[in-house]
Amino acid sequence: MKNSDKQNARITSDDKVTEIVQDFIFTSTDAYKMFSDNKDFKRMYLEFIFNKVWDGVRKSG
């Protein structure tokens, strides 16, 4: 951004943010598909999250 004018910096920024959001959506979609289609993965994930929350609650008193 230091070496660009505001308009070019804005275009570059918008492009990069769009790329990041698309990557996030694709990754999230793949993760959701695995969660919904793979019963073993879903069970292990739910167990993992529950244990993390449970341990956090128990430690905080």
PDB file of N, CA and C in Angstrom:
ATOM      1  N   MET A   1       0.817  -1.194   0.000  1.00  0.00           N
ATOM      2  CA  MET A   1       0.000   0.000   0.000  1.00  0.00           C
ATOM      3  C   MET A   1       0.863   1.262   0.000  1.00  0.00           C
ATOM      4  N   LYS A   2       2.075   1.137   0.568  1.00  0.00           N
ATOM      5  CA  LYS A   2       2.940   2.316   0.624  1.00  0.00           C
ATOM      6  C   LYS A   2       3.265   2.848  -0.760  1.00  0.00           C
ATOM      7  N   ASN A   3       3.409   1.935  -1.722  1.00  0.00           N
ATOM      8  CA  ASN A   3       3.846   2.345  -3.052  1.00  0.00           C
ATOM      9  C   ASN A   3       2.708   2.434  -4.062  1.00  0.00           C
ATOM     10  N   SER A   4       1.480   2.373  -3.597  1.00  0.00           N
ATOM     11  CA  SER A   4       0.326   2.436  -4.498  1.00  0.00           C
ATOM     12  C   SER A   4      -0.498   3.667  -4.204  1.00  0.00           C
ATOM     13  N   ASP A   5      -1.242   4.080  -5.228  1.00  0.00           N
ATOM     14  CA  ASP A   5      -2.218   5.128  -4.946  1.00  0.00           C
ATOM     15  C   ASP A   5      -3.428   4.471  -4.287  1.00  0.00           C
ATOM     16  N   LYS A   6      -4.324   5.271  -3.771  1.00  0.00           N
ATOM     17  CA  LYS A   6      -5.444   4.760  -2.994  1.00  0.00           C
ATOM     18  C   LYS A   6      -6.331   3.817  -3.817  1.00  0.00           C
ATOM     19  N   GLN A   7      -6.574   4.166  -5.071  1.00  0.00           N
ATOM     20  CA  GLN A   7      -7.447   3.345  -5.913  1.00  0.00           C
ATOM     21  C   GLN A   7      -6.850   1.950  -6.155  1.00  0.00           C
ATOM     22  N   ASN A   8      -5.572   1.875  -6.485  1.00  0.00           N
ATOM     23  CA  ASN A   8      -4.927   0.575  -6.711  1.00  0.00           C
ATOM     24  C   ASN A   8      -4.812  -0.223  -5.420  1.00  0.00           C
ATOM     25  N   ALA A   9      -4.537   0.447  -4.330  1.00  0.00           N
ATOM     26  CA  ALA A   9      -4.471  -0.238  -3.038  1.00  0.00           C
ATOM     27  C   ALA A   9      -5.836  -0.814  -2.680  1.00  0.00           C
ATOM     28  N   ARG A  10      -6.886  -0.067  -2.965  1.00  0.00           N
ATOM     29  CA  ARG A  10      -8.246  -0.529  -2.687  1.00  0.00           C
ATOM     30  C   ARG A  10      -8.588  -1.760  -3.519  1.00  0.00           C
ATOM     31  N   ILE A  11      -8.231  -1.754  -4.789  1.00  0.00           N
ATOM     32  CA  ILE A  11      -8.493  -2.894  -5.674  1.00  0.00           C
ATOM     33  C   ILE A  11      -7.761  -4.139  -5.162  1.00  0.00           C
ATOM     34  N   THR A  12      -6.505  -3.971  -4.816  1.00  0.00           N
ATOM     35  CA  THR A  12      -5.713  -5.086  -4.299  1.00  0.00           C
ATOM     36  C   THR A  12      -6.292  -5.610  -2.993  1.00  0.00           C
ATOM     37  N   SER A  13      -6.657  -4.716  -2.112  1.00  0.00           N
ATOM     38  CA  SER A  13      -7.253  -5.104  -0.838  1.00  0.00           C
ATOM     39  C   SER A  13      -8.564  -5.853  -1.053  1.00  0.00           C
ATOM     40  N   ASP A  14      -9.432  -5.312  -1.884  1.00  0.00           N
ATOM     41  CA  ASP A  14     -10.721  -5.962  -2.148  1.00  0.00           C
ATOM     42  C   ASP A  14     -10.524  -7.355  -2.739  1.00  0.00           C
ATOM     43  N   ASP A  15      -9.581  -7.494  -3.662  1.00  0.00           N
ATOM     44  CA  ASP A  15      -9.302  -8.796  -4.269  1.00  0.00           C
ATOM     45  C   ASP A  15      -8.818  -9.803  -3.229  1.00  0.00           C
ATOM     46  N   LYS A  16      -7.925  -9.365  -2.359  1.00  0.00           N
ATOM     47  CA  LYS A  16      -7.373 -10.267  -1.344  1.00  0.00           C
ATOM     48  C   LYS A  16      -8.445 -10.682  -0.337  1.00  0.00           C
ATOM     49  N   VAL A  17      -9.257  -9.742   0.100  1.00  0.00           N
ATOM     50  CA  VAL A  17     -10.323 -10.067   1.051  1.00  0.00           C
ATOM     51  C   VAL A  17     -11.314 -11.039   0.415  1.00  0.00           C
ATOM     52  N   THR A  18     -11.654 -10.811  -0.844  1.00  0.00           N
ATOM     53  CA  THR A  18     -12.554 -11.716  -1.559  1.00  0.00           C
ATOM     54  C   THR A  18     -11.965 -13.122  -1.615  1.00  0.00           C
ATOM     55  N   GLU A  19     -10.686 -13.218  -1.906  1.00  0.00           N
ATOM     56  CA  GLU A  19     -10.005 -14.515  -1.952  1.00  0.00           C
ATOM     57  C   GLU A  19     -10.051 -15.211  -0.591  1.00  0.00           C
ATOM     58  N   ILE A  20      -9.788 -14.481   0.467  1.00  0.00           N
ATOM     59  CA  ILE A  20      -9.795 -15.045   1.818  1.00  0.00           C
ATOM     60  C   ILE A  20     -11.190 -15.527   2.199  1.00  0.00           C
ATOM     61  N   VAL A  21     -12.209 -14.728   1.906  1.00  0.00           N
ATOM     62  CA  VAL A  21     -13.582 -15.109   2.242  1.00  0.00           C
ATOM     63  C   VAL A  21     -13.993 -16.352   1.445  1.00  0.00           C
ATOM     64  N   GLN A  22     -13.641 -16.405   0.164  1.00  0.00           N
ATOM     65  CA  GLN A  22     -13.969 -17.585  -0.642  1.00  0.00           C
ATOM     66  C   GLN A  22     -13.279 -18.835  -0.096  1.00  0.00           C
ATOM     67  N   ASP A  23     -12.013 -18.716   0.267  1.00  0.00           N
ATOM     68  CA  ASP A  23     -11.295 -19.849   0.856  1.00  0.00           C
ATOM     69  C   ASP A  23     -11.972 -20.309   2.138  1.00  0.00           C
ATOM     70  N   PHE A  24     -12.376 -19.357   2.972  1.00  0.00           N
ATOM     71  CA  PHE A  24     -13.062 -19.688   4.222  1.00  0.00           C
ATOM     72  C   PHE A  24     -14.372 -20.423   3.955  1.00  0.00           C
ATOM     73  N   ILE A  25     -15.148 -19.931   2.998  1.00  0.00           N
ATOM     74  CA  ILE A  25     -16.436 -20.556   2.686  1.00  0.00           C
ATOM     75  C   ILE A  25     -16.231 -21.968   2.143  1.00  0.00           C
ATOM     76  N   PHE A  26     -15.272 -22.140   1.224  1.00  0.00           N
ATOM     77  CA  PHE A  26     -15.015 -23.468   0.679  1.00  0.00           C
ATOM     78  C   PHE A  26     -14.552 -24.423   1.774  1.00  0.00           C
ATOM     79  N   THR A  27     -13.659 -23.964   2.632  1.00  0.00           N
ATOM     80  CA  THR A  27     -13.174 -24.797   3.733  1.00  0.00           C
ATOM     81  C   THR A  27     -14.304 -25.135   4.687  1.00  0.00           C
ATOM     82  N   SER A  28     -15.116 -24.141   5.012  1.00  0.00           N
ATOM     83  CA  SER A  28     -16.238 -24.373   5.922  1.00  0.00           C
ATOM     84  C   SER A  28     -17.252 -25.326   5.311  1.00  0.00           C
ATOM     85  N   THR A  29     -17.494 -25.197   4.015  1.00  0.00           N
ATOM     86  CA  THR A  29     -18.427 -26.095   3.338  1.00  0.00           C
ATOM     87  C   THR A  29     -17.903 -27.524   3.375  1.00  0.00           C
ATOM     88  N   ASP A  30     -16.612 -27.697   3.117  1.00  0.00           N
ATOM     89  CA  ASP A  30     -16.014 -29.030   3.172  1.00  0.00           C
ATOM     90  C   ASP A  30     -16.092 -29.612   4.581  1.00  0.00           C
ATOM     91  N   ALA A  31     -15.825 -28.789   5.578  1.00  0.00           N
ATOM     92  CA  ALA A  31     -15.896 -29.246   6.971  1.00  0.00           C
ATOM     93  C   ALA A  31     -17.329 -29.620   7.335  1.00  0.00           C
ATOM     94  N   TYR A  32     -18.293 -28.820   6.923  1.00  0.00           N
ATOM     95  CA  TYR A  32     -19.694 -29.132   7.216  1.00  0.00           C
ATOM     96  C   TYR A  32     -20.116 -30.428   6.522  1.00  0.00           C
ATOM     97  N   LYS A  33     -19.674 -30.604   5.280  1.00  0.00           N
ATOM     98  CA  LYS A  33     -20.006 -31.831   4.554  1.00  0.00           C
ATOM     99  C   LYS A  33     -19.439 -33.040   5.291  1.00  0.00           C
ATOM    100  N   MET A  34     -18.199 -32.946   5.750  1.00  0.00           N
ATOM    101  CA  MET A  34     -17.611 -34.044   6.504  1.00  0.00           C
ATOM    102  C   MET A  34     -18.382 -34.283   7.797  1.00  0.00           C
ATOM    103  N   PHE A  35     -18.750 -33.205   8.487  1.00  0.00           N
ATOM    104  CA  PHE A  35     -19.499 -33.301   9.741  1.00  0.00           C
ATOM    105  C   PHE A  35     -20.847 -33.980   9.516  1.00  0.00           C
ATOM    106  N   SER A  36     -21.525 -33.617   8.440  1.00  0.00           N
ATOM    107  CA  SER A  36     -22.861 -34.158   8.214  1.00  0.00           C
ATOM    108  C   SER A  36     -22.850 -35.542   7.564  1.00  0.00           C
ATOM    109  N   ASP A  37     -21.800 -35.875   6.808  1.00  0.00           N
ATOM    110  CA  ASP A  37     -21.765 -37.146   6.077  1.00  0.00           C
ATOM    111  C   ASP A  37     -21.018 -38.263   6.799  1.00  0.00           C
ATOM    112  N   ASN A  38     -20.106 -37.907   7.689  1.00  0.00           N
ATOM    113  CA  ASN A  38     -19.244 -38.908   8.317  1.00  0.00           C
ATOM    114  C   ASN A  38     -19.604 -39.015   9.807  1.00  0.00           C
ATOM    115  N   LYS A  39     -20.344 -40.061  10.150  1.00  0.00           N
ATOM    116  CA  LYS A  39     -20.831 -40.209  11.529  1.00  0.00           C
ATOM    117  C   LYS A  39     -19.700 -40.335  12.542  1.00  0.00           C
ATOM    118  N   ASP A  40     -18.624 -41.023  12.177  1.00  0.00           N
ATOM    119  CA  ASP A  40     -17.492 -41.155  13.099  1.00  0.00           C
ATOM    120  C   ASP A  40     -16.832 -39.812  13.346  1.00  0.00           C
ATOM    121  N   PHE A  41     -16.631 -39.031  12.276  1.00  0.00           N
ATOM    122  CA  PHE A  41     -16.046 -37.703  12.425  1.00  0.00           C
ATOM    123  C   PHE A  41     -16.950 -36.824  13.292  1.00  0.00           C
ATOM    124  N   LYS A  42     -18.244 -36.849  13.034  1.00  0.00           N
ATOM    125  CA  LYS A  42     -19.192 -36.039  13.794  1.00  0.00           C
ATOM    126  C   LYS A  42     -19.136 -36.402  15.283  1.00  0.00           C
ATOM    127  N   ARG A  43     -19.163 -37.688  15.579  1.00  0.00           N
ATOM    128  CA  ARG A  43     -19.112 -38.138  16.972  1.00  0.00           C
ATOM    129  C   ARG A  43     -17.831 -37.677  17.650  1.00  0.00           C
ATOM    130  N   MET A  44     -16.685 -37.851  16.969  1.00  0.00           N
ATOM    131  CA  MET A  44     -15.402 -37.450  17.559  1.00  0.00           C
ATOM    132  C   MET A  44     -15.333 -35.930  17.743  1.00  0.00           C
ATOM    133  N   TYR A  45     -15.849 -35.188  16.776  1.00  0.00           N
ATOM    134  CA  TYR A  45     -15.823 -33.730  16.869  1.00  0.00           C
ATOM    135  C   TYR A  45     -16.703 -33.241  18.010  1.00  0.00           C
ATOM    136  N   LEU A  46     -17.917 -33.784  18.101  1.00  0.00           N
ATOM    137  CA  LEU A  46     -18.814 -33.384  19.187  1.00  0.00           C
ATOM    138  C   LEU A  46     -18.217 -33.729  20.546  1.00  0.00           C
ATOM    139  N   GLU A  47     -17.593 -34.884  20.637  1.00  0.00           N
ATOM    140  CA  GLU A  47     -16.943 -35.281  21.885  1.00  0.00           C
ATOM    141  C   GLU A  47     -15.786 -34.343  22.230  1.00  0.00           C
ATOM    142  N   PHE A  48     -14.986 -34.002  21.241  1.00  0.00           N
ATOM    143  CA  PHE A  48     -13.867 -33.089  21.437  1.00  0.00           C
ATOM    144  C   PHE A  48     -14.346 -31.730  21.946  1.00  0.00           C
ATOM    145  N   ILE A  49     -15.347 -31.167  21.291  1.00  0.00           N
ATOM    146  CA  ILE A  49     -15.869 -29.857  21.693  1.00  0.00           C
ATOM    147  C   ILE A  49     -16.467 -29.920  23.090  1.00  0.00           C
ATOM    148  N   PHE A  50     -17.263 -30.941  23.355  1.00  0.00           N
ATOM    149  CA  PHE A  50     -17.851 -31.069  24.689  1.00  0.00           C
ATOM    150  C   PHE A  50     -16.762 -31.131  25.755  1.00  0.00           C
ATOM    151  N   ASN A  51     -15.744 -31.944  25.533  1.00  0.00           N
ATOM    152  CA  ASN A  51     -14.674 -32.077  26.530  1.00  0.00           C
ATOM    153  C   ASN A  51     -13.939 -30.765  26.744  1.00  0.00           C
ATOM    154  N   LYS A  52     -13.701 -30.006  25.688  1.00  0.00           N
ATOM    155  CA  LYS A  52     -13.036 -28.707  25.838  1.00  0.00           C
ATOM    156  C   LYS A  52     -13.889 -27.746  26.653  1.00  0.00           C
ATOM    157  N   VAL A  53     -15.176 -27.686  26.351  1.00  0.00           N
ATOM    158  CA  VAL A  53     -16.079 -26.801  27.092  1.00  0.00           C
ATOM    159  C   VAL A  53     -16.211 -27.273  28.537  1.00  0.00           C
ATOM    160  N   TRP A  54     -16.409 -28.562  28.728  1.00  0.00           N
ATOM    161  CA  TRP A  54     -16.561 -29.129  30.067  1.00  0.00           C
ATOM    162  C   TRP A  54     -15.326 -28.848  30.928  1.00  0.00           C
ATOM    163  N   ASP A  55     -14.145 -29.086  30.353  1.00  0.00           N
ATOM    164  CA  ASP A  55     -12.899 -28.839  31.094  1.00  0.00           C
ATOM    165  C   ASP A  55     -12.751 -27.360  31.422  1.00  0.00           C
ATOM    166  N   GLY A  56     -13.130 -26.479  30.497  1.00  0.00           N
ATOM    167  CA  GLY A  56     -13.042 -25.043  30.740  1.00  0.00           C
ATOM    168  C   GLY A  56     -13.966 -24.584  31.848  1.00  0.00           C
ATOM    169  N   VAL A  57     -15.164 -25.135  31.866  1.00  0.00           N
ATOM    170  CA  VAL A  57     -16.133 -24.783  32.911  1.00  0.00           C
ATOM    171  C   VAL A  57     -15.648 -25.292  34.255  1.00  0.00           C
ATOM    172  N   ARG A  58     -15.137 -26.500  34.283  1.00  0.00           N
ATOM    173  CA  ARG A  58     -14.674 -27.101  35.553  1.00  0.00           C
ATOM    174  C   ARG A  58     -13.464 -26.331  36.112  1.00  0.00           C
ATOM    175  N   LYS A  59     -12.588 -25.865  35.228  1.00  0.00           N
ATOM    176  CA  LYS A  59     -11.392 -25.160  35.691  1.00  0.00           C
ATOM    177  C   LYS A  59     -11.718 -23.756  36.194  1.00  0.00           C
ATOM    178  N   SER A  60     -12.774 -23.145  35.609  1.00  0.00           N
ATOM    179  CA  SER A  60     -13.081 -21.767  35.993  1.00  0.00           C
ATOM    180  C   SER A  60     -13.883 -21.686  37.279  1.00  0.00           C
ATOM    181  N   GLY A  61     -14.296 -22.821  37.773  1.00  0.00           N
ATOM    182  CA  GLY A  61     -14.883 -22.821  39.091  1.00  0.00           C
ATOM    183  C   GLY A  61     -16.328 -22.930  39.145  1.00  0.00           C
TER     184      GLY A  61
END
